[in-house]
Amino acid sequence: MIDLESILDTAQLKRVLTDTHFWIALALGPVVWIALWFILGKPAINGLALKVFLTGVIFYPIMEELAFRGFIQTWLLEKPIWTRTVLPKISRANVMTSVVFAAFHLFNQPPLWAALVFVPSLMFGYLRERYDAVTPSIIMHAWYNLGFLWLFS
């Protein structure tokens, strides 16, 4: 499982920050935001208040990534059947975790919005497996949420 030391490992963070895959995933954030804009239109969300920022960009990414990538995906990866890939570099564990992650968003999002969370979730899961750590997925989740809140506020 994920522990606090693995989240704060500076050597791991240095590896992440010097990896091309991480920067490509970061650059895809605006692509996702624009795609959401065109697919869904501008939703009715009031201004980006401090509380919304703290929960949407700090709290939720940390808690959701610890729960979904740190616990569920890690647990599934301990079973050999879930380590097989369904797409290049995308494991069954990642797909299942992403399905659960998208379904979880049905509590607070309309069905189409919740379904569209699936694709970024695959990216978060890919990063978790690539670095064998949850920190990169937390960073990426926070980045994607920041853009989402900025664009749709």
C-alpha atoms as a PDB file:
ATOM      1  CA  MET A   1       0.000   0.000   0.000  1.00  0.00           C
ATOM      2  CA  ILE A   2       0.959   3.665  -0.210  1.00  0.00           C
ATOM      3  CA  ASP A   3       2.639   5.228   2.816  1.00  0.00           C
ATOM      4  CA  LEU A   4       3.592   8.808   3.629  1.00  0.00           C
ATOM      5  CA  GLU A   5       7.274   8.217   2.807  1.00  0.00           C
ATOM      6  CA  SER A   6       6.425   7.150  -0.738  1.00  0.00           C
ATOM      7  CA  ILE A   7       4.338  10.306  -1.214  1.00  0.00           C
ATOM      8  CA  LEU A   8       7.146  12.592  -0.051  1.00  0.00           C
ATOM      9  CA  ASP A   9      10.079  10.729  -1.677  1.00  0.00           C
ATOM     10  CA  THR A  10      12.201  13.487  -3.252  1.00  0.00           C
ATOM     11  CA  ALA A  11      14.186  11.088  -5.452  1.00  0.00           C
ATOM     12  CA  GLN A  12      10.930   9.769  -6.900  1.00  0.00           C
ATOM     13  CA  LEU A  13       9.634  13.296  -7.412  1.00  0.00           C
ATOM     14  CA  LYS A  14      12.836  14.232  -9.256  1.00  0.00           C
ATOM     15  CA  ARG A  15      12.389  11.206 -11.543  1.00  0.00           C
ATOM     16  CA  VAL A  16       8.795  12.244 -12.252  1.00  0.00           C
ATOM     17  CA  LEU A  17       9.687  15.859 -12.999  1.00  0.00           C
ATOM     18  CA  THR A  18      12.391  14.867 -15.480  1.00  0.00           C
ATOM     19  CA  ASP A  19      10.257  12.353 -17.382  1.00  0.00           C
ATOM     20  CA  THR A  20       8.771  13.213 -20.767  1.00  0.00           C
ATOM     21  CA  HIS A  21       5.640  11.129 -20.141  1.00  0.00           C
ATOM     22  CA  PHE A  22       4.758  13.260 -17.115  1.00  0.00           C
ATOM     23  CA  TRP A  23       5.124  16.502 -19.088  1.00  0.00           C
ATOM     24  CA  ILE A  24       3.054  15.132 -21.976  1.00  0.00           C
ATOM     25  CA  ALA A  25       0.310  14.206 -19.496  1.00  0.00           C
ATOM     26  CA  LEU A  26       0.528  17.702 -18.029  1.00  0.00           C
ATOM     27  CA  ALA A  27       0.256  19.273 -21.487  1.00  0.00           C
ATOM     28  CA  LEU A  28      -2.825  17.172 -22.248  1.00  0.00           C
ATOM     29  CA  GLY A  29      -4.693  18.927 -19.424  1.00  0.00           C
ATOM     30  CA  PRO A  30      -5.659  21.949 -21.556  1.00  0.00           C
ATOM     31  CA  VAL A  31      -6.679  19.593 -24.374  1.00  0.00           C
ATOM     32  CA  VAL A  32      -9.073  17.849 -21.986  1.00  0.00           C
ATOM     33  CA  TRP A  33     -10.414  21.187 -20.731  1.00  0.00           C
ATOM     34  CA  ILE A  34     -11.106  22.416 -24.267  1.00  0.00           C
ATOM     35  CA  ALA A  35     -12.707  19.093 -25.214  1.00  0.00           C
ATOM     36  CA  LEU A  36     -14.980  19.356 -22.168  1.00  0.00           C
ATOM     37  CA  TRP A  37     -15.881  22.913 -23.163  1.00  0.00           C
ATOM     38  CA  PHE A  38     -16.928  21.817 -26.664  1.00  0.00           C
ATOM     39  CA  ILE A  39     -18.680  18.624 -25.573  1.00  0.00           C
ATOM     40  CA  LEU A  40     -20.505  19.969 -22.544  1.00  0.00           C
ATOM     41  CA  GLY A  41     -20.672  23.715 -22.956  1.00  0.00           C
ATOM     42  CA  LYS A  42     -20.078  26.114 -20.113  1.00  0.00           C
ATOM     43  CA  PRO A  43     -21.830  24.839 -16.971  1.00  0.00           C
ATOM     44  CA  ALA A  44     -23.402  27.140 -14.434  1.00  0.00           C
ATOM     45  CA  ILE A  45     -20.729  27.315 -11.717  1.00  0.00           C
ATOM     46  CA  ASN A  46     -20.139  30.463  -9.675  1.00  0.00           C
ATOM     47  CA  GLY A  47     -16.701  32.108  -9.248  1.00  0.00           C
ATOM     48  CA  LEU A  48     -13.633  30.224  -8.052  1.00  0.00           C
ATOM     49  CA  ALA A  49     -13.827  30.906  -4.305  1.00  0.00           C
ATOM     50  CA  LEU A  50     -11.036  29.894  -1.945  1.00  0.00           C
ATOM     51  CA  LYS A  51     -13.139  27.054  -0.531  1.00  0.00           C
ATOM     52  CA  VAL A  52     -13.771  25.647  -4.029  1.00  0.00           C
ATOM     53  CA  PHE A  53     -10.073  25.943  -4.831  1.00  0.00           C
ATOM     54  CA  LEU A  54      -8.949  24.234  -1.635  1.00  0.00           C
ATOM     55  CA  THR A  55     -11.397  21.376  -1.994  1.00  0.00           C
ATOM     56  CA  GLY A  56     -11.234  20.943  -5.764  1.00  0.00           C
ATOM     57  CA  VAL A  57      -7.516  21.429  -6.323  1.00  0.00           C
ATOM     58  CA  ILE A  58      -6.001  20.294  -3.029  1.00  0.00           C
ATOM     59  CA  PHE A  59      -8.317  18.101  -0.936  1.00  0.00           C
ATOM     60  CA  TYR A  60     -10.151  16.038  -3.573  1.00  0.00           C
ATOM     61  CA  PRO A  61      -7.111  15.162  -5.687  1.00  0.00           C
ATOM     62  CA  ILE A  62      -5.198  13.982  -2.617  1.00  0.00           C
ATOM     63  CA  MET A  63      -8.067  12.000  -1.092  1.00  0.00           C
ATOM     64  CA  GLU A  64      -9.331  10.543  -4.369  1.00  0.00           C
ATOM     65  CA  GLU A  65      -5.874   9.503  -5.561  1.00  0.00           C
ATOM     66  CA  LEU A  66      -5.018   7.911  -2.228  1.00  0.00           C
ATOM     67  CA  ALA A  67      -8.315   6.004  -2.323  1.00  0.00           C
ATOM     68  CA  PHE A  68      -8.471   5.043  -5.999  1.00  0.00           C
ATOM     69  CA  ARG A  69      -4.838   4.771  -7.124  1.00  0.00           C
ATOM     70  CA  GLY A  70      -3.234   4.273  -3.705  1.00  0.00           C
ATOM     71  CA  PHE A  71      -5.660   1.666  -2.424  1.00  0.00           C
ATOM     72  CA  ILE A  72      -7.956   0.197  -5.116  1.00  0.00           C
ATOM     73  CA  GLN A  73      -5.536   0.117  -8.052  1.00  0.00           C
ATOM     74  CA  THR A  74      -2.642  -1.017  -5.845  1.00  0.00           C
ATOM     75  CA  TRP A  75      -4.800  -3.790  -4.380  1.00  0.00           C
ATOM     76  CA  LEU A  76      -5.902  -4.944  -7.843  1.00  0.00           C
ATOM     77  CA  LEU A  77      -2.303  -4.927  -9.098  1.00  0.00           C
ATOM     78  CA  GLU A  78      -1.439  -7.488  -6.429  1.00  0.00           C
ATOM     79  CA  LYS A  79      -3.583 -10.000  -8.356  1.00  0.00           C
ATOM     80  CA  PRO A  80      -1.887 -11.260 -11.551  1.00  0.00           C
ATOM     81  CA  ILE A  81      -5.066 -11.188 -13.666  1.00  0.00           C
ATOM     82  CA  TRP A  82      -5.357  -7.409 -13.183  1.00  0.00           C
ATOM     83  CA  THR A  83      -1.793  -6.677 -14.296  1.00  0.00           C
ATOM     84  CA  ARG A  84      -2.488  -7.715 -17.898  1.00  0.00           C
ATOM     85  CA  THR A  85      -2.864  -4.834 -20.295  1.00  0.00           C
ATOM     86  CA  VAL A  86      -5.961  -4.095 -22.373  1.00  0.00           C
ATOM     87  CA  LEU A  87      -4.284  -1.261 -24.269  1.00  0.00           C
ATOM     88  CA  PRO A  88      -0.568  -0.524 -24.492  1.00  0.00           C
ATOM     89  CA  LYS A  89       0.558   0.498 -20.989  1.00  0.00           C
ATOM     90  CA  ILE A  90      -3.028   0.429 -19.618  1.00  0.00           C
ATOM     91  CA  SER A  91      -3.621  -2.430 -17.186  1.00  0.00           C
ATOM     92  CA  ARG A  92      -6.921  -4.066 -16.334  1.00  0.00           C
ATOM     93  CA  ALA A  93      -6.451  -2.709 -12.808  1.00  0.00           C
ATOM     94  CA  ASN A  94      -6.251   0.811 -14.239  1.00  0.00           C
ATOM     95  CA  VAL A  95      -9.383   0.321 -16.359  1.00  0.00           C
ATOM     96  CA  MET A  96     -11.386  -1.122 -13.447  1.00  0.00           C
ATOM     97  CA  THR A  97     -10.215   1.614 -11.092  1.00  0.00           C
ATOM     98  CA  SER A  98     -11.157   4.229 -13.708  1.00  0.00           C
ATOM     99  CA  VAL A  99     -14.635   2.715 -14.122  1.00  0.00           C
ATOM    100  CA  VAL A 100     -15.162   2.897 -10.359  1.00  0.00           C
ATOM    101  CA  PHE A 101     -13.689   6.419 -10.283  1.00  0.00           C
ATOM    102  CA  ALA A 102     -16.075   7.614 -13.014  1.00  0.00           C
ATOM    103  CA  ALA A 103     -19.033   5.915 -11.307  1.00  0.00           C
ATOM    104  CA  PHE A 104     -18.061   7.607  -8.044  1.00  0.00           C
ATOM    105  CA  HIS A 105     -18.390  10.974  -9.803  1.00  0.00           C
ATOM    106  CA  LEU A 106     -22.072  10.255 -10.496  1.00  0.00           C
ATOM    107  CA  PHE A 107     -22.751  11.400  -6.916  1.00  0.00           C
ATOM    108  CA  ASN A 108     -21.807  15.004  -7.802  1.00  0.00           C
ATOM    109  CA  GLN A 109     -21.835  15.216 -11.597  1.00  0.00           C
ATOM    110  CA  PRO A 110     -24.344  14.677 -14.392  1.00  0.00           C
ATOM    111  CA  PRO A 111     -23.899  11.279 -16.116  1.00  0.00           C
ATOM    112  CA  LEU A 112     -22.050  12.632 -19.168  1.00  0.00           C
ATOM    113  CA  TRP A 113     -19.616  14.588 -17.002  1.00  0.00           C
ATOM    114  CA  ALA A 114     -18.994  11.554 -14.809  1.00  0.00           C
ATOM    115  CA  ALA A 115     -18.371   9.385 -17.883  1.00  0.00           C
ATOM    116  CA  LEU A 116     -15.887  11.913 -19.283  1.00  0.00           C
ATOM    117  CA  VAL A 117     -13.853  11.605 -16.071  1.00  0.00           C
ATOM    118  CA  PHE A 118     -12.889   8.110 -17.260  1.00  0.00           C
ATOM    119  CA  VAL A 119     -10.207   9.266 -19.732  1.00  0.00           C
ATOM    120  CA  PRO A 120      -8.235  11.508 -17.324  1.00  0.00           C
ATOM    121  CA  SER A 121      -8.571   8.721 -14.761  1.00  0.00           C
ATOM    122  CA  LEU A 122      -6.754   6.368 -17.131  1.00  0.00           C
ATOM    123  CA  MET A 123      -3.932   8.931 -17.279  1.00  0.00           C
ATOM    124  CA  PHE A 124      -3.794   9.147 -13.475  1.00  0.00           C
ATOM    125  CA  GLY A 125      -3.672   5.340 -13.280  1.00  0.00           C
ATOM    126  CA  TYR A 126      -0.983   5.159 -15.937  1.00  0.00           C
ATOM    127  CA  LEU A 127       1.169   7.574 -13.950  1.00  0.00           C
ATOM    128  CA  ARG A 128       0.599   5.606 -10.745  1.00  0.00           C
ATOM    129  CA  GLU A 129       1.828   2.430 -12.440  1.00  0.00           C
ATOM    130  CA  ARG A 130       4.671   4.062 -14.363  1.00  0.00           C
ATOM    131  CA  TYR A 131       6.251   5.513 -11.214  1.00  0.00           C
ATOM    132  CA  ASP A 132       4.929   2.949  -8.716  1.00  0.00           C
ATOM    133  CA  ALA A 133       3.822   5.915  -6.632  1.00  0.00           C
ATOM    134  CA  VAL A 134       0.678   7.960  -6.143  1.00  0.00           C
ATOM    135  CA  THR A 135       2.354  11.394  -6.021  1.00  0.00           C
ATOM    136  CA  PRO A 136       2.412  11.900  -9.819  1.00  0.00           C
ATOM    137  CA  SER A 137      -1.287  11.099 -10.080  1.00  0.00           C
ATOM    138  CA  ILE A 138      -2.064  13.525  -7.237  1.00  0.00           C
ATOM    139  CA  ILE A 139      -0.130  16.292  -9.008  1.00  0.00           C
ATOM    140  CA  MET A 140      -1.813  15.552 -12.346  1.00  0.00           C
ATOM    141  CA  HIS A 141      -5.272  15.309 -10.764  1.00  0.00           C
ATOM    142  CA  ALA A 142      -4.763  18.682  -9.060  1.00  0.00           C
ATOM    143  CA  TRP A 143      -3.626  20.198 -12.391  1.00  0.00           C
ATOM    144  CA  TYR A 144      -6.626  18.835 -14.298  1.00  0.00           C
ATOM    145  CA  ASN A 145      -9.024  20.025 -11.570  1.00  0.00           C
ATOM    146  CA  LEU A 146      -7.403  23.478 -11.542  1.00  0.00           C
ATOM    147  CA  GLY A 147      -7.981  23.862 -15.270  1.00  0.00           C
ATOM    148  CA  PHE A 148     -11.493  22.499 -15.017  1.00  0.00           C
ATOM    149  CA  LEU A 149     -12.386  24.938 -12.230  1.00  0.00           C
ATOM    150  CA  TRP A 150     -10.694  27.853 -13.995  1.00  0.00           C
ATOM    151  CA  LEU A 151     -12.343  27.151 -17.339  1.00  0.00           C
ATOM    152  CA  PHE A 152     -15.808  26.444 -15.986  1.00  0.00           C
ATOM    153  CA  SER A 153     -15.987  29.140 -13.293  1.00  0.00           C
END
